C-alpha atoms as a PDB file:
ATOM      1  CA  UNK A   1      -0.007  -0.031   0.058  1.00  0.00           C
ATOM      2  CA  UNK A   2       2.781   2.334   0.900  1.00  0.00           C
ATOM      3  CA  UNK A   3       4.471   1.781  -2.421  1.00  0.00           C
ATOM      4  CA  UNK A   4       0.992   2.258  -4.442  1.00  0.00           C
ATOM      5  CA  UNK A   5       0.243   5.287  -2.321  1.00  0.00           C
ATOM      6  CA  UNK A   6       3.746   6.496  -3.621  1.00  0.00           C
ATOM      7  CA  UNK A   7       3.222   5.779  -7.308  1.00  0.00           C
ATOM      8  CA  UNK A   8      -0.100   7.802  -6.739  1.00  0.00           C
ATOM      9  CA  UNK A   9       1.427  10.603  -5.172  1.00  0.00           C
ATOM     10  CA  UNK A  10       4.271  10.865  -8.221  1.00  0.00           C
ATOM     11  CA  UNK A  11       1.600  10.774 -10.745  1.00  0.00           C
ATOM     12  CA  UNK A  12      -0.524  13.325  -8.942  1.00  0.00           C
ATOM     13  CA  UNK A  13       2.495  15.537  -8.865  1.00  0.00           C
ATOM     14  CA  UNK A  14       3.180  14.811 -12.651  1.00  0.00           C
ATOM     15  CA  UNK A  15      -0.327  15.762 -13.548  1.00  0.00           C
ATOM     16  CA  UNK A  16      -0.167  18.932 -11.362  1.00  0.00           C
ATOM     17  CA  UNK A  17       2.918  19.698 -13.130  1.00  0.00           C
ATOM     18  CA  UNK A  18       1.471  19.141 -16.693  1.00  0.00           C
ATOM     19  CA  UNK A  19      -1.439  21.167 -15.807  1.00  0.00           C
ATOM     20  CA  UNK A  20       0.693  24.138 -14.414  1.00  0.00           C
ATOM     21  CA  UNK A  21       2.741  24.013 -17.408  1.00  0.00           C
ATOM     22  CA  UNK A  22      -0.561  24.178 -20.043  1.00  0.00           C
ATOM     23  CA  UNK A  23      -1.529  26.985 -17.722  1.00  0.00           C
ATOM     24  CA  UNK A  24       1.348  28.946 -18.105  1.00  0.00           C
ATOM     25  CA  UNK A  25       1.714  28.673 -21.744  1.00  0.00           C
ATOM     26  CA  UNK A  26      -1.827  29.690 -22.391  1.00  0.00           C
ATOM     27  CA  UNK A  27      -0.440  33.275 -20.958  1.00  0.00           C
ATOM     28  CA  UNK A  28      -0.068  35.698 -23.681  1.00  0.00           C
ATOM     29  CA  UNK A  29       3.452  36.320 -24.783  1.00  0.00           C
ATOM     30  CA  UNK A  30       5.437  38.403 -27.045  1.00  0.00           C
ATOM     31  CA  UNK A  31       6.495  36.822 -30.101  1.00  0.00           C
ATOM     32  CA  UNK A  32       7.709  40.254 -31.918  1.00  0.00           C
ATOM     33  CA  UNK A  33      10.605  42.532 -30.477  1.00  0.00           C
ATOM     34  CA  UNK A  34      11.251  42.966 -26.794  1.00  0.00           C
ATOM     35  CA  UNK A  35       9.289  46.299 -25.444  1.00  0.00           C
ATOM     36  CA  UNK A  36      12.487  47.312 -23.544  1.00  0.00           C
ATOM     37  CA  UNK A  37      14.575  47.570 -26.743  1.00  0.00           C
ATOM     38  CA  UNK A  38      11.571  49.241 -28.367  1.00  0.00           C
ATOM     39  CA  UNK A  39      11.383  52.015 -25.449  1.00  0.00           C
ATOM     40  CA  UNK A  40      15.085  52.488 -25.898  1.00  0.00           C
ATOM     41  CA  UNK A  41      14.495  53.048 -29.787  1.00  0.00           C
ATOM     42  CA  UNK A  42      11.618  55.596 -29.012  1.00  0.00           C
ATOM     43  CA  UNK A  43      13.982  57.613 -26.510  1.00  0.00           C
ATOM     44  CA  UNK A  44      16.302  57.554 -29.361  1.00  0.00           C
ATOM     45  CA  UNK A  45      13.634  58.923 -31.569  1.00  0.00           C
ATOM     46  CA  UNK A  46      12.749  61.527 -28.763  1.00  0.00           C
ATOM     47  CA  UNK A  47      16.217  63.070 -29.252  1.00  0.00           C
ATOM     48  CA  UNK A  48      15.230  64.137 -32.774  1.00  0.00           C
ATOM     49  CA  UNK A  49      12.839  66.216 -31.105  1.00  0.00           C
ATOM     50  CA  UNK A  50      14.624  67.806 -28.461  1.00  0.00           C
ATOM     51  CA  UNK A  51      17.951  68.975 -30.447  1.00  0.00           C
ATOM     52  CA  UNK A  52      16.836  72.351 -32.578  1.00  0.00           C
ATOM     53  CA  UNK A  53      17.431  71.215 -36.154  1.00  0.00           C
ATOM     54  CA  UNK A  54      15.812  72.599 -39.431  1.00  0.00           C
ATOM     55  CA  UNK A  55      16.554  69.213 -41.389  1.00  0.00           C
ATOM     56  CA  UNK A  56      14.576  66.866 -39.020  1.00  0.00           C
ATOM     57  CA  UNK A  57      11.909  69.659 -38.154  1.00  0.00           C
ATOM     58  CA  UNK A  58       9.414  68.069 -40.556  1.00  0.00           C
ATOM     59  CA  UNK A  59       9.975  64.714 -41.029  1.00  0.00           C
ATOM     60  CA  UNK A  60       7.465  61.776 -41.906  1.00  0.00           C
ATOM     61  CA  UNK A  61       8.501  58.136 -42.859  1.00  0.00           C
ATOM     62  CA  UNK A  62       5.839  55.482 -44.193  1.00  0.00           C
ATOM     63  CA  UNK A  63       5.553  52.016 -43.939  1.00  0.00           C
ATOM     64  CA  UNK A  64       6.288  50.790 -47.220  1.00  0.00           C
ATOM     65  CA  UNK A  65       4.340  47.445 -46.699  1.00  0.00           C
ATOM     66  CA  UNK A  66       1.006  49.371 -45.621  1.00  0.00           C
ATOM     67  CA  UNK A  67       1.420  52.718 -46.659  1.00  0.00           C
ATOM     68  CA  UNK A  68       0.533  54.092 -43.476  1.00  0.00           C
ATOM     69  CA  UNK A  69       2.645  56.517 -41.464  1.00  0.00           C
ATOM     70  CA  UNK A  70       5.117  54.753 -38.913  1.00  0.00           C
ATOM     71  CA  UNK A  71       6.962  57.777 -38.009  1.00  0.00           C
ATOM     72  CA  UNK A  72       5.730  61.689 -38.069  1.00  0.00           C
ATOM     73  CA  UNK A  73       7.785  64.380 -36.777  1.00  0.00           C
ATOM     74  CA  UNK A  74       7.328  67.999 -36.217  1.00  0.00           C
ATOM     75  CA  UNK A  75       9.339  70.709 -34.412  1.00  0.00           C
ATOM     76  CA  UNK A  76       8.660  74.553 -33.786  1.00  0.00           C
ATOM     77  CA  UNK A  77      11.570  76.572 -32.500  1.00  0.00           C
ATOM     78  CA  UNK A  78      13.544  79.725 -32.717  1.00  0.00           C
ATOM     79  CA  UNK A  79      16.308  81.949 -30.932  1.00  0.00           C
ATOM     80  CA  UNK A  80      17.499  85.215 -30.528  1.00  0.00           C
ATOM     81  CA  UNK A  81      20.073  87.789 -28.761  1.00  0.00           C
ATOM     82  CA  UNK A  82      19.029  90.253 -27.024  1.00  0.00           C
ATOM     83  CA  UNK A  83      21.240  93.136 -28.088  1.00  0.00           C
ATOM     84  CA  UNK A  84      24.646  93.445 -29.301  1.00  0.00           C
ATOM     85  CA  UNK A  85      25.218  95.409 -26.082  1.00  0.00           C
ATOM     86  CA  UNK A  86      24.072  92.820 -23.888  1.00  0.00           C
ATOM     87  CA  UNK A  87      24.325  89.895 -26.096  1.00  0.00           C
ATOM     88  CA  UNK A  88      22.359  87.121 -24.040  1.00  0.00           C
ATOM     89  CA  UNK A  89      20.926  84.152 -26.429  1.00  0.00           C
ATOM     90  CA  UNK A  90      17.996  82.342 -25.699  1.00  0.00           C
ATOM     91  CA  UNK A  91      16.390  79.673 -27.556  1.00  0.00           C
ATOM     92  CA  UNK A  92      13.519  77.366 -27.296  1.00  0.00           C
ATOM     93  CA  UNK A  93      11.805  74.311 -29.238  1.00  0.00           C
ATOM     94  CA  UNK A  94       8.694  72.173 -28.855  1.00  0.00           C
ATOM     95  CA  UNK A  95       8.379  69.219 -30.724  1.00  0.00           C
ATOM     96  CA  UNK A  96       6.595  66.006 -31.213  1.00  0.00           C
ATOM     97  CA  UNK A  97       6.371  62.815 -32.888  1.00  0.00           C
ATOM     98  CA  UNK A  98       4.043  59.787 -33.440  1.00  0.00           C
ATOM     99  CA  UNK A  99       5.898  56.270 -33.924  1.00  0.00           C
ATOM    100  CA  UNK A 100       4.220  53.100 -34.782  1.00  0.00           C
ATOM    101  CA  UNK A 101       5.888  50.018 -33.851  1.00  0.00           C
ATOM    102  CA  UNK A 102       4.488  46.650 -34.375  1.00  0.00           C
ATOM    103  CA  UNK A 103       4.021  43.956 -31.403  1.00  0.00           C
ATOM    104  CA  UNK A 104       2.538  40.695 -31.849  1.00  0.00           C
ATOM    105  CA  UNK A 105       1.116  38.608 -28.905  1.00  0.00           C
ATOM    106  CA  UNK A 106       0.350  35.110 -28.651  1.00  0.00           C
ATOM    107  CA  UNK A 107      -1.764  32.954 -25.946  1.00  0.00           C
ATOM    108  CA  UNK A 108      -0.048  29.670 -27.770  1.00  0.00           C
ATOM    109  CA  UNK A 109      -2.987  29.129 -30.035  1.00  0.00           C
ATOM    110  CA  UNK A 110      -3.632  32.377 -31.861  1.00  0.00           C
ATOM    111  CA  UNK A 111      -1.493  35.562 -32.590  1.00  0.00           C
ATOM    112  CA  UNK A 112      -2.995  38.888 -32.767  1.00  0.00           C
ATOM    113  CA  UNK A 113      -0.924  42.256 -33.807  1.00  0.00           C
ATOM    114  CA  UNK A 114      -1.718  45.043 -31.326  1.00  0.00           C
ATOM    115  CA  UNK A 115      -2.458  48.313 -32.691  1.00  0.00           C
ATOM    116  CA  UNK A 116       0.312  50.254 -31.067  1.00  0.00           C
ATOM    117  CA  UNK A 117       0.658  54.218 -31.220  1.00  0.00           C
ATOM    118  CA  UNK A 118       3.526  55.991 -29.375  1.00  0.00           C
ATOM    119  CA  UNK A 119       3.477  59.821 -28.932  1.00  0.00           C
ATOM    120  CA  UNK A 120       6.485  61.674 -28.391  1.00  0.00           C
ATOM    121  CA  UNK A 121       6.380  65.025 -26.760  1.00  0.00           C
ATOM    122  CA  UNK A 122       9.609  67.204 -25.731  1.00  0.00           C
ATOM    123  CA  UNK A 123      10.490  70.864 -25.027  1.00  0.00           C
ATOM    124  CA  UNK A 124      14.016  72.267 -24.940  1.00  0.00           C
ATOM    125  CA  UNK A 125      15.327  75.633 -23.716  1.00  0.00           C
ATOM    126  CA  UNK A 126      18.728  77.047 -24.293  1.00  0.00           C
ATOM    127  CA  UNK A 127      20.847  79.984 -22.554  1.00  0.00           C
ATOM    128  CA  UNK A 128      23.989  81.159 -24.149  1.00  0.00           C
ATOM    129  CA  UNK A 129      26.113  84.294 -24.658  1.00  0.00           C
ATOM    130  CA  UNK A 130      27.874  85.727 -27.653  1.00  0.00           C
ATOM    131  CA  UNK A 131      31.598  85.965 -27.752  1.00  0.00           C
ATOM    132  CA  UNK A 132      32.622  88.176 -30.541  1.00  0.00           C
ATOM    133  CA  UNK A 133      35.598  87.384 -32.629  1.00  0.00           C
ATOM    134  CA  UNK A 134      36.040  90.497 -34.595  1.00  0.00           C
ATOM    135  CA  UNK A 135      35.680  94.202 -34.271  1.00  0.00           C
ATOM    136  CA  UNK A 136      32.024  94.584 -36.116  1.00  0.00           C
ATOM    137  CA  UNK A 137      30.505  91.689 -33.866  1.00  0.00           C
ATOM    138  CA  UNK A 138      29.514  89.838 -37.190  1.00  0.00           C
ATOM    139  CA  UNK A 139      31.649  86.661 -35.916  1.00  0.00           C
ATOM    140  CA  UNK A 140      30.908  85.309 -32.743  1.00  0.00           C
ATOM    141  CA  UNK A 141      31.060  81.755 -30.622  1.00  0.00           C
ATOM    142  CA  UNK A 142      28.206  80.867 -28.768  1.00  0.00           C
ATOM    143  CA  UNK A 143      28.568  78.453 -25.879  1.00  0.00           C
ATOM    144  CA  UNK A 144      24.785  77.419 -24.904  1.00  0.00           C
ATOM    145  CA  UNK A 145      23.588  75.523 -21.868  1.00  0.00           C
ATOM    146  CA  UNK A 146      20.403  73.285 -23.069  1.00  0.00           C
ATOM    147  CA  UNK A 147      17.776  71.559 -20.792  1.00  0.00           C
ATOM    148  CA  UNK A 148      14.923  69.239 -22.063  1.00  0.00           C
ATOM    149  CA  UNK A 149      11.857  67.532 -20.713  1.00  0.00           C
ATOM    150  CA  UNK A 150       9.893  65.011 -22.666  1.00  0.00           C
ATOM    151  CA  UNK A 151       7.242  61.947 -22.523  1.00  0.00           C
ATOM    152  CA  UNK A 152       6.489  59.167 -24.296  1.00  0.00           C
ATOM    153  CA  UNK A 153       3.141  57.979 -24.154  1.00  0.00           C
ATOM    154  CA  UNK A 154       1.551  54.619 -25.407  1.00  0.00           C
ATOM    155  CA  UNK A 155      -2.189  54.662 -26.457  1.00  0.00           C
ATOM    156  CA  UNK A 156      -2.622  51.233 -27.623  1.00  0.00           C
ATOM    157  CA  UNK A 157      -5.680  49.299 -27.203  1.00  0.00           C
ATOM    158  CA  UNK A 158      -4.890  45.522 -26.745  1.00  0.00           C
ATOM    159  CA  UNK A 159      -6.511  42.870 -28.577  1.00  0.00           C
ATOM    160  CA  UNK A 160      -9.532  41.407 -27.351  1.00  0.00           C
ATOM    161  CA  UNK A 161      -8.592  37.784 -26.065  1.00  0.00           C
ATOM    162  CA  UNK A 162      -6.295  40.017 -23.773  1.00  0.00           C
ATOM    163  CA  UNK A 163      -8.838  41.306 -21.559  1.00  0.00           C
ATOM    164  CA  UNK A 164      -9.640  40.100 -18.198  1.00  0.00           C
ATOM    165  CA  UNK A 165      -6.443  38.024 -18.504  1.00  0.00           C
ATOM    166  CA  UNK A 166      -3.229  38.373 -16.427  1.00  0.00           C
ATOM    167  CA  UNK A 167      -0.586  39.809 -18.126  1.00  0.00           C
ATOM    168  CA  UNK A 168       2.854  41.224 -17.396  1.00  0.00           C
ATOM    169  CA  UNK A 169       4.534  44.723 -17.157  1.00  0.00           C
ATOM    170  CA  UNK A 170       5.155  44.964 -20.978  1.00  0.00           C
ATOM    171  CA  UNK A 171       1.346  44.769 -21.830  1.00  0.00           C
ATOM    172  CA  UNK A 172       0.810  47.215 -19.087  1.00  0.00           C
ATOM    173  CA  UNK A 173       3.277  49.689 -20.614  1.00  0.00           C
ATOM    174  CA  UNK A 174       2.157  49.281 -24.283  1.00  0.00           C
ATOM    175  CA  UNK A 175      -1.550  49.873 -23.031  1.00  0.00           C
ATOM    176  CA  UNK A 176      -1.481  52.897 -20.688  1.00  0.00           C
ATOM    177  CA  UNK A 177       2.348  53.632 -19.615  1.00  0.00           C
ATOM    178  CA  UNK A 178       4.602  56.343 -20.429  1.00  0.00           C
ATOM    179  CA  UNK A 179       8.122  56.979 -20.335  1.00  0.00           C
ATOM    180  CA  UNK A 180       9.471  60.468 -18.735  1.00  0.00           C
ATOM    181  CA  UNK A 181      12.831  61.732 -19.795  1.00  0.00           C
ATOM    182  CA  UNK A 182      14.745  64.931 -18.751  1.00  0.00           C
ATOM    183  CA  UNK A 183      17.678  66.176 -20.726  1.00  0.00           C
ATOM    184  CA  UNK A 184      20.803  68.051 -19.585  1.00  0.00           C
ATOM    185  CA  UNK A 185      23.941  69.160 -22.004  1.00  0.00           C
ATOM    186  CA  UNK A 186      25.267  71.944 -24.167  1.00  0.00           C
ATOM    187  CA  UNK A 187      25.995  73.320 -27.672  1.00  0.00           C
ATOM    188  CA  UNK A 188      28.791  75.323 -29.251  1.00  0.00           C
ATOM    189  CA  UNK A 189      27.584  77.479 -32.190  1.00  0.00           C
ATOM    190  CA  UNK A 190      29.686  79.687 -34.572  1.00  0.00           C
ATOM    191  CA  UNK A 191      28.084  82.219 -36.045  1.00  0.00           C
ATOM    192  CA  UNK A 192      28.663  84.532 -39.350  1.00  0.00           C
ATOM    193  CA  UNK A 193      26.081  87.566 -39.815  1.00  0.00           C
ATOM    194  CA  UNK A 194      27.521  89.800 -42.061  1.00  0.00           C
ATOM    195  CA  UNK A 195      25.067  92.776 -42.900  1.00  0.00           C
ATOM    196  CA  UNK A 196      25.517  94.419 -46.629  1.00  0.00           C
ATOM    197  CA  UNK A 197      22.066  96.146 -47.039  1.00  0.00           C
ATOM    198  CA  UNK A 198      19.686  95.526 -48.394  1.00  0.00           C
ATOM    199  CA  UNK A 199      20.977  91.724 -48.419  1.00  0.00           C
ATOM    200  CA  UNK A 200      21.373  89.731 -45.558  1.00  0.00           C
ATOM    201  CA  UNK A 201      23.592  86.154 -45.140  1.00  0.00           C
ATOM    202  CA  UNK A 202      23.482  84.033 -42.117  1.00  0.00           C
ATOM    203  CA  UNK A 203      26.015  81.213 -41.480  1.00  0.00           C
ATOM    204  CA  UNK A 204      25.866  79.016 -38.187  1.00  0.00           C
ATOM    205  CA  UNK A 205      27.900  76.025 -37.394  1.00  0.00           C
ATOM    206  CA  UNK A 206      26.545  74.249 -34.456  1.00  0.00           C
ATOM    207  CA  UNK A 207      27.454  71.045 -32.179  1.00  0.00           C
ATOM    208  CA  UNK A 208      24.979  69.773 -29.720  1.00  0.00           C
ATOM    209  CA  UNK A 209      25.309  67.092 -27.143  1.00  0.00           C
ATOM    210  CA  UNK A 210      22.247  66.582 -24.614  1.00  0.00           C
ATOM    211  CA  UNK A 211      22.192  63.263 -22.430  1.00  0.00           C
ATOM    212  CA  UNK A 212      18.415  62.118 -21.983  1.00  0.00           C
ATOM    213  CA  UNK A 213      17.501  59.990 -18.928  1.00  0.00           C
ATOM    214  CA  UNK A 214      14.384  58.413 -18.074  1.00  0.00           C
ATOM    215  CA  UNK A 215      12.572  58.973 -14.756  1.00  0.00           C
ATOM    216  CA  UNK A 216       9.461  58.043 -13.255  1.00  0.00           C
ATOM    217  CA  UNK A 217       8.377  55.707 -16.025  1.00  0.00           C
ATOM    218  CA  UNK A 218       6.525  52.694 -15.781  1.00  0.00           C
ATOM    219  CA  UNK A 219       7.858  49.659 -14.266  1.00  0.00           C
ATOM    220  CA  UNK A 220      10.062  47.439 -17.045  1.00  0.00           C
ATOM    221  CA  UNK A 221      10.926  50.607 -19.127  1.00  0.00           C
ATOM    222  CA  UNK A 222      14.209  52.649 -18.393  1.00  0.00           C
ATOM    223  CA  UNK A 223      16.317  54.075 -20.573  1.00  0.00           C
ATOM    224  CA  UNK A 224      18.877  56.923 -21.919  1.00  0.00           C
ATOM    225  CA  UNK A 225      19.870  58.098 -24.936  1.00  0.00           C
ATOM    226  CA  UNK A 226      22.622  60.906 -26.637  1.00  0.00           C
ATOM    227  CA  UNK A 227      21.170  63.657 -28.459  1.00  0.00           C
ATOM    228  CA  UNK A 228      24.629  64.610 -30.484  1.00  0.00           C
ATOM    229  CA  UNK A 229      24.503  66.099 -33.654  1.00  0.00           C
ATOM    230  CA  UNK A 230      26.267  68.541 -35.901  1.00  0.00           C
ATOM    231  CA  UNK A 231      24.358  71.243 -38.065  1.00  0.00           C
ATOM    232  CA  UNK A 232      25.419  73.507 -40.667  1.00  0.00           C
ATOM    233  CA  UNK A 233      22.729  76.331 -41.624  1.00  0.00           C
ATOM    234  CA  UNK A 234      22.985  79.127 -44.200  1.00  0.00           C
ATOM    235  CA  UNK A 235      20.466  81.559 -45.261  1.00  0.00           C
ATOM    236  CA  UNK A 236      20.461  84.337 -47.907  1.00  0.00           C
ATOM    237  CA  UNK A 237      17.847  87.055 -48.154  1.00  0.00           C
ATOM    238  CA  UNK A 238      17.933  90.009 -51.345  1.00  0.00           C
ATOM    239  CA  UNK A 239      15.327  92.014 -52.647  1.00  0.00           C
ATOM    240  CA  UNK A 240      13.126  90.688 -55.643  1.00  0.00           C
ATOM    241  CA  UNK A 241      12.392  94.369 -56.972  1.00  0.00           C
ATOM    242  CA  UNK A 242       8.665  93.669 -56.193  1.00  0.00           C
ATOM    243  CA  UNK A 243       6.680  95.036 -53.324  1.00  0.00           C
ATOM    244  CA  UNK A 244       4.214  93.431 -51.010  1.00  0.00           C
ATOM    245  CA  UNK A 245       2.060  95.397 -48.236  1.00  0.00           C
ATOM    246  CA  UNK A 246       3.915  98.529 -49.596  1.00  0.00           C
ATOM    247  CA  UNK A 247       7.141  97.068 -48.369  1.00  0.00           C
ATOM    248  CA  UNK A 248       9.944  95.409 -50.798  1.00  0.00           C
ATOM    249  CA  UNK A 249       9.319  91.623 -50.845  1.00  0.00           C
ATOM    250  CA  UNK A 250      12.581  89.489 -50.677  1.00  0.00           C
ATOM    251  CA  UNK A 251      13.355  85.953 -51.786  1.00  0.00           C
ATOM    252  CA  UNK A 252      14.951  83.292 -49.483  1.00  0.00           C
ATOM    253  CA  UNK A 253      17.619  80.770 -50.301  1.00  0.00           C
ATOM    254  CA  UNK A 254      18.257  78.195 -47.413  1.00  0.00           C
ATOM    255  CA  UNK A 255      20.691  75.219 -46.719  1.00  0.00           C
ATOM    256  CA  UNK A 256      20.674  73.032 -44.056  1.00  0.00           C
ATOM    257  CA  UNK A 257      22.549  69.850 -43.303  1.00  0.00           C
ATOM    258  CA  UNK A 258      22.948  67.638 -40.201  1.00  0.00           C
ATOM    259  CA  UNK A 259      24.848  64.837 -38.971  1.00  0.00           C
ATOM    260  CA  UNK A 260      23.618  62.444 -36.472  1.00  0.00           C
ATOM    261  CA  UNK A 261      26.509  61.117 -34.113  1.00  0.00           C
ATOM    262  CA  UNK A 262      24.665  59.663 -31.014  1.00  0.00           C
ATOM    263  CA  UNK A 263      21.508  57.559 -30.247  1.00  0.00           C
ATOM    264  CA  UNK A 264      20.156  59.045 -33.569  1.00  0.00           C
ATOM    265  CA  UNK A 265      22.768  57.433 -35.608  1.00  0.00           C
ATOM    266  CA  UNK A 266      21.394  55.180 -38.144  1.00  0.00           C
ATOM    267  CA  UNK A 267      18.268  54.654 -35.917  1.00  0.00           C
ATOM    268  CA  UNK A 268      16.154  55.730 -38.963  1.00  0.00           C
ATOM    269  CA  UNK A 269      18.487  54.065 -41.649  1.00  0.00           C
ATOM    270  CA  UNK A 270      20.805  57.356 -42.398  1.00  0.00           C
ATOM    271  CA  UNK A 271      22.999  59.457 -40.039  1.00  0.00           C
ATOM    272  CA  UNK A 272      23.076  62.544 -42.457  1.00  0.00           C
ATOM    273  CA  UNK A 273      19.988  64.786 -43.701  1.00  0.00           C
ATOM    274  CA  UNK A 274      20.611  67.915 -46.052  1.00  0.00           C
ATOM    275  CA  UNK A 275      17.715  70.390 -46.615  1.00  0.00           C
ATOM    276  CA  UNK A 276      17.376  73.011 -49.671  1.00  0.00           C
ATOM    277  CA  UNK A 277      14.930  75.693 -49.185  1.00  0.00           C
ATOM    278  CA  UNK A 278      13.666  78.564 -51.475  1.00  0.00           C
ATOM    279  CA  UNK A 279      10.805  80.964 -50.801  1.00  0.00           C
ATOM    280  CA  UNK A 280      10.048  84.874 -49.875  1.00  0.00           C
ATOM    281  CA  UNK A 281       9.942  87.007 -46.972  1.00  0.00           C
ATOM    282  CA  UNK A 282       7.278  89.522 -46.628  1.00  0.00           C
ATOM    283  CA  UNK A 283       7.701  92.752 -44.412  1.00  0.00           C
ATOM    284  CA  UNK A 284       4.796  93.177 -42.576  1.00  0.00           C
ATOM    285  CA  UNK A 285       5.633  96.486 -40.648  1.00  0.00           C
ATOM    286  CA  UNK A 286       3.036  98.236 -42.727  1.00  0.00           C
ATOM    287  CA  UNK A 287       0.274  96.117 -41.590  1.00  0.00           C
ATOM    288  CA  UNK A 288       0.894  94.845 -38.314  1.00  0.00           C
ATOM    289  CA  UNK A 289       3.256  95.409 -35.403  1.00  0.00           C
ATOM    290  CA  UNK A 290       2.992  92.039 -33.777  1.00  0.00           C
ATOM    291  CA  UNK A 291       5.819  90.502 -36.086  1.00  0.00           C
ATOM    292  CA  UNK A 292       8.080  92.413 -38.380  1.00  0.00           C
ATOM    293  CA  UNK A 293       8.765  89.500 -41.118  1.00  0.00           C
ATOM    294  CA  UNK A 294       6.788  86.533 -42.486  1.00  0.00           C
ATOM    295  CA  UNK A 295       8.763  83.789 -44.458  1.00  0.00           C
ATOM    296  CA  UNK A 296       7.118  80.973 -46.428  1.00  0.00           C
ATOM    297  CA  UNK A 297       9.905  78.353 -47.359  1.00  0.00           C
ATOM    298  CA  UNK A 298       9.340  75.373 -49.227  1.00  0.00           C
ATOM    299  CA  UNK A 299      12.105  72.821 -48.742  1.00  0.00           C
ATOM    300  CA  UNK A 300      13.391  69.394 -50.299  1.00  0.00           C
ATOM    301  CA  UNK A 301      15.362  66.943 -47.783  1.00  0.00           C
ATOM    302  CA  UNK A 302      17.389  64.049 -48.650  1.00  0.00           C
ATOM    303  CA  UNK A 303      19.529  61.426 -47.112  1.00  0.00           C
ATOM    304  CA  UNK A 304      20.568  58.038 -47.521  1.00  0.00           C
ATOM    305  CA  UNK A 305      17.363  56.147 -48.949  1.00  0.00           C
ATOM    306  CA  UNK A 306      15.166  59.103 -48.119  1.00  0.00           C
ATOM    307  CA  UNK A 307      13.816  62.230 -49.902  1.00  0.00           C
ATOM    308  CA  UNK A 308      10.955  64.298 -48.857  1.00  0.00           C
ATOM    309  CA  UNK A 309       9.269  68.015 -49.361  1.00  0.00           C
ATOM    310  CA  UNK A 310       7.933  70.185 -46.825  1.00  0.00           C
ATOM    311  CA  UNK A 311       6.733  73.864 -46.508  1.00  0.00           C
ATOM    312  CA  UNK A 312       7.880  76.114 -43.473  1.00  0.00           C
ATOM    313  CA  UNK A 313       6.146  79.247 -41.979  1.00  0.00           C
ATOM    314  CA  UNK A 314       8.765  81.603 -40.213  1.00  0.00           C
ATOM    315  CA  UNK A 315       8.346  84.859 -38.109  1.00  0.00           C
ATOM    316  CA  UNK A 316      10.754  87.340 -37.109  1.00  0.00           C
ATOM    317  CA  UNK A 317       9.968  89.758 -34.393  1.00  0.00           C
END
C-alpha cells in the first residue's frame, strides 16, 4: 500500500506539473521585438525632437508594406540675441512625433498584432552668450546650456482576447504606460552674420550634445540616449524688386545639413540629412506690429534612401 500510495502521489505531482505548465503556456506572450528594446529606440527618437534641427523639423516616414505612416515628426523653435550691447542668447523648441512599432502577442493558439501608437512630446530650452571674434561683432562664438523635458505616451488598445487576462508589465506599458525623460547638455555654435544692406546672410555651425535619462516611468521600461549632432545652416535674403504690403518683397534661399552622431545615428536608416529651401520674405511692418517679417519657404530634404518635401512658416520679431 505504501508503494501504491507513493506511485499515486508521483502520478498526481506529474499531472499537477503538466497542468501548471499548460496554464503557463496559455498566458499571452510577446513573439515580436522586446518592449524594452523598443522603448530604448523611442527614447532615441525623442532625441530628434529635443535637438533644434531644421533638417528634421518636419520628417515623415511611411511603412512601405502598409502605406501607413510609421513615423511623423514636427518641431517648432527659434532663438535670438537680446542686443549687441547685452548679447544674451535665448532659444526654445517644442516638438512631437508619432511612432508606430509593431508587437505580436500570442496565447499559444492564436496571434494578434497590437495596434500600438506611441506619442513623443518634448520641450527644450537654451541659454547662451555671444562672444564676438571680430570688431564688427558679425562673427561670434556662442556656448549654450540646454535643458529638455520629454514624455513618451502609449495609447495602444490590446486585442480583445487579452482582456481580463493576467498580463505582464510589458503589456501594461503598451496599454497605458509612459516613459518620462529629462535632458541636460549643451551646444557650441559659431555664427557669422554679415550685414550688407539690402542683402542679409546668416551662417551657423553648431554642435549639440544633450544626454537624455528616463525618470518616474512605468515599470520595466528604463532608458537613456545621447542627442548628439552637428548642423550647418545658411540663409541668404535679397530683394526681388517687387512690393508686398507697401514694402520690398525679398526672396530667401536656405541650406541645412545635419549629421547625427549619438543614439540618433542610423536609427532611421541614415545618419545625415540635407535640406534645400527657397521662398519669399514679406515685410509686415506696414500692416501689423505683432511681427516684422513673415517667411514662407518650401524645402526639399534628402539623405540615404530618404527624400521628402515640406513647407515652412517663420516669423521674425
